[in-house]
N, C-alpha and C. Protein backbone atom coordinates (compact mmCIF):
# COMPACT_ATOMS: atom_id res chain seq x y z
N MET A 1 0.83 -1.17 0.00
CA MET A 1 0.00 0.00 0.00
C MET A 1 0.88 1.25 0.00
N ALA A 2 1.90 1.24 0.84
CA ALA A 2 2.79 2.39 0.91
C ALA A 2 3.49 2.61 -0.43
N LEU A 3 3.89 1.53 -1.08
CA LEU A 3 4.55 1.62 -2.38
C LEU A 3 3.63 2.26 -3.41
N GLU A 4 2.37 1.83 -3.46
CA GLU A 4 1.39 2.40 -4.40
C GLU A 4 1.14 3.88 -4.12
N ALA A 5 1.14 4.25 -2.84
CA ALA A 5 0.90 5.64 -2.46
C ALA A 5 2.15 6.50 -2.64
N GLY A 6 3.30 5.84 -2.79
CA GLY A 6 4.54 6.58 -2.97
C GLY A 6 5.07 7.17 -1.68
N VAL A 7 4.79 6.52 -0.56
CA VAL A 7 5.25 6.99 0.74
C VAL A 7 5.98 5.85 1.45
N ALA A 8 6.74 6.21 2.47
CA ALA A 8 7.42 5.21 3.26
C ALA A 8 6.42 4.50 4.17
N ILE A 9 6.74 3.27 4.55
CA ILE A 9 5.85 2.51 5.43
C ILE A 9 5.63 3.24 6.74
N GLY A 10 6.69 3.86 7.27
CA GLY A 10 6.56 4.61 8.52
C GLY A 10 5.58 5.77 8.39
N THR A 11 5.58 6.42 7.25
CA THR A 11 4.63 7.51 7.01
C THR A 11 3.21 6.99 7.00
N LEU A 12 3.02 5.84 6.37
CA LEU A 12 1.68 5.23 6.34
C LEU A 12 1.19 4.93 7.76
N TYR A 13 2.10 4.43 8.60
CA TYR A 13 1.73 4.13 9.98
C TYR A 13 1.49 5.38 10.81
N ASP A 14 2.01 6.54 10.37
CA ASP A 14 1.70 7.79 11.06
C ASP A 14 0.21 8.12 10.92
N TYR A 15 -0.36 7.78 9.79
CA TYR A 15 -1.76 8.08 9.53
C TYR A 15 -2.68 6.93 9.90
N PHE A 16 -2.20 5.70 9.73
CA PHE A 16 -3.01 4.52 9.98
C PHE A 16 -2.20 3.54 10.83
N PRO A 17 -2.41 3.54 12.13
CA PRO A 17 -1.58 2.71 13.01
C PRO A 17 -1.86 1.21 12.93
N SER A 18 -2.94 0.81 12.23
CA SER A 18 -3.26 -0.61 12.11
C SER A 18 -4.04 -0.85 10.82
N LYS A 19 -4.20 -2.12 10.48
CA LYS A 19 -4.99 -2.47 9.30
C LYS A 19 -6.44 -2.04 9.49
N GLU A 20 -6.92 -2.16 10.71
CA GLU A 20 -8.30 -1.74 11.00
C GLU A 20 -8.49 -0.25 10.78
N ALA A 21 -7.49 0.53 11.17
CA ALA A 21 -7.57 1.99 10.97
C ALA A 21 -7.52 2.32 9.48
N LEU A 22 -6.73 1.60 8.73
CA LEU A 22 -6.66 1.80 7.28
C LEU A 22 -7.99 1.47 6.63
N LEU A 23 -8.58 0.35 7.01
CA LEU A 23 -9.89 -0.04 6.48
C LEU A 23 -10.96 0.99 6.86
N SER A 24 -10.91 1.45 8.09
CA SER A 24 -11.87 2.46 8.54
C SER A 24 -11.73 3.75 7.72
N GLY A 25 -10.51 4.15 7.44
CA GLY A 25 -10.28 5.34 6.62
C GLY A 25 -10.82 5.16 5.21
N TYR A 26 -10.64 3.96 4.66
CA TYR A 26 -11.14 3.68 3.32
C TYR A 26 -12.67 3.72 3.30
N ILE A 27 -13.29 3.12 4.30
CA ILE A 27 -14.75 3.13 4.37
C ILE A 27 -15.27 4.55 4.52
N ARG A 28 -14.63 5.35 5.36
CA ARG A 28 -15.04 6.76 5.51
C ARG A 28 -14.93 7.49 4.19
N HIS A 29 -13.85 7.24 3.45
CA HIS A 29 -13.67 7.88 2.14
C HIS A 29 -14.80 7.47 1.19
N CYS A 30 -15.11 6.18 1.14
CA CYS A 30 -16.18 5.70 0.26
C CYS A 30 -17.52 6.32 0.62
N LEU A 31 -17.80 6.44 1.91
CA LEU A 31 -19.06 7.07 2.33
C LEU A 31 -19.09 8.55 1.96
N ASP A 32 -17.97 9.24 2.11
CA ASP A 32 -17.91 10.65 1.71
C ASP A 32 -18.18 10.82 0.22
N VAL A 33 -17.60 9.93 -0.59
CA VAL A 33 -17.83 9.97 -2.04
C VAL A 33 -19.30 9.70 -2.35
N LEU A 34 -19.87 8.70 -1.70
CA LEU A 34 -21.28 8.37 -1.92
C LEU A 34 -22.19 9.54 -1.53
N LEU A 35 -21.94 10.13 -0.38
CA LEU A 35 -22.77 11.26 0.06
C LEU A 35 -22.66 12.44 -0.89
N ALA A 36 -21.46 12.72 -1.38
CA ALA A 36 -21.28 13.82 -2.34
C ALA A 36 -22.02 13.52 -3.64
N GLN A 37 -21.97 12.27 -4.07
CA GLN A 37 -22.67 11.88 -5.29
C GLN A 37 -24.18 11.97 -5.11
N LEU A 38 -24.68 11.55 -3.96
CA LEU A 38 -26.12 11.67 -3.69
C LEU A 38 -26.54 13.13 -3.68
N ASP A 39 -25.73 13.96 -3.07
CA ASP A 39 -26.04 15.38 -3.00
C ASP A 39 -26.11 15.98 -4.41
N GLN A 40 -25.15 15.63 -5.23
CA GLN A 40 -25.10 16.18 -6.59
C GLN A 40 -26.20 15.64 -7.48
N GLU A 41 -26.45 14.34 -7.41
CA GLU A 41 -27.38 13.69 -8.33
C GLU A 41 -28.85 13.87 -7.97
N ALA A 42 -29.16 13.94 -6.67
CA ALA A 42 -30.57 13.91 -6.30
C ALA A 42 -31.01 15.01 -5.34
N ILE A 43 -30.12 15.52 -4.54
CA ILE A 43 -30.55 16.47 -3.52
C ILE A 43 -30.46 17.91 -4.01
N GLN A 44 -29.34 18.28 -4.59
CA GLN A 44 -29.16 19.66 -5.04
C GLN A 44 -29.94 19.96 -6.33
N THR A 45 -30.31 18.94 -7.05
CA THR A 45 -31.06 19.13 -8.29
C THR A 45 -32.52 19.36 -7.94
N THR A 46 -32.92 20.61 -7.84
CA THR A 46 -34.25 20.94 -7.34
C THR A 46 -35.34 20.89 -8.39
N ASP A 47 -35.00 20.73 -9.64
CA ASP A 47 -36.02 20.71 -10.69
C ASP A 47 -36.56 19.31 -10.98
N LEU A 48 -36.25 18.35 -10.13
CA LEU A 48 -36.71 16.98 -10.34
C LEU A 48 -38.02 16.72 -9.60
N ASP A 49 -38.89 15.91 -10.21
CA ASP A 49 -40.07 15.47 -9.48
C ASP A 49 -39.64 14.33 -8.55
N TRP A 50 -40.50 13.98 -7.59
CA TRP A 50 -40.14 12.98 -6.58
C TRP A 50 -39.84 11.61 -7.16
N PRO A 51 -40.62 11.10 -8.11
CA PRO A 51 -40.29 9.78 -8.67
C PRO A 51 -38.89 9.75 -9.32
N THR A 52 -38.55 10.79 -10.03
CA THR A 52 -37.22 10.85 -10.65
C THR A 52 -36.13 10.97 -9.60
N ARG A 53 -36.37 11.75 -8.58
CA ARG A 53 -35.40 11.92 -7.50
C ARG A 53 -35.16 10.59 -6.78
N ILE A 54 -36.25 9.86 -6.50
CA ILE A 54 -36.11 8.57 -5.82
C ILE A 54 -35.38 7.57 -6.72
N LYS A 55 -35.69 7.57 -8.00
CA LYS A 55 -35.00 6.68 -8.93
C LYS A 55 -33.51 6.97 -8.93
N ARG A 56 -33.14 8.23 -8.93
CA ARG A 56 -31.71 8.58 -8.90
C ARG A 56 -31.05 8.15 -7.60
N LEU A 57 -31.76 8.32 -6.48
CA LEU A 57 -31.21 7.89 -5.19
C LEU A 57 -30.94 6.38 -5.20
N VAL A 58 -31.90 5.62 -5.70
CA VAL A 58 -31.74 4.17 -5.76
C VAL A 58 -30.59 3.80 -6.70
N CYS A 59 -30.54 4.43 -7.85
CA CYS A 59 -29.48 4.13 -8.81
C CYS A 59 -28.10 4.41 -8.24
N VAL A 60 -27.94 5.51 -7.55
CA VAL A 60 -26.64 5.85 -6.98
C VAL A 60 -26.29 4.91 -5.83
N CYS A 61 -27.25 4.62 -4.97
CA CYS A 61 -26.97 3.80 -3.78
C CYS A 61 -26.82 2.32 -4.10
N VAL A 62 -27.66 1.81 -4.97
CA VAL A 62 -27.70 0.37 -5.17
C VAL A 62 -26.91 -0.06 -6.40
N PHE A 63 -27.10 0.64 -7.47
CA PHE A 63 -26.53 0.18 -8.74
C PHE A 63 -25.35 1.02 -9.19
N ASP A 64 -25.15 2.17 -8.61
CA ASP A 64 -24.15 3.13 -9.06
C ASP A 64 -24.31 3.41 -10.55
N LEU A 65 -25.57 3.55 -10.95
CA LEU A 65 -25.90 3.90 -12.33
C LEU A 65 -26.53 5.27 -12.34
N ARG A 66 -26.31 5.98 -13.40
CA ARG A 66 -26.95 7.28 -13.53
C ARG A 66 -27.87 7.25 -14.72
N PRO A 67 -29.12 7.68 -14.53
CA PRO A 67 -30.07 7.66 -15.65
C PRO A 67 -29.69 8.65 -16.75
């Protein structure tokens, strides 16, 4: 992982002291990306009717597809 990131192993351990912490950071990142995508695709788009908005929410959350 450190090699792919281009950092020393010690530097990686400065940010993530264990495998669990690394996994937790990855999960947090994925959730942040998902929330930003939901906000952009369905929440901030105010000109959508409710059925279209719900369809977009489902597509982003379940299928990661955009209509």
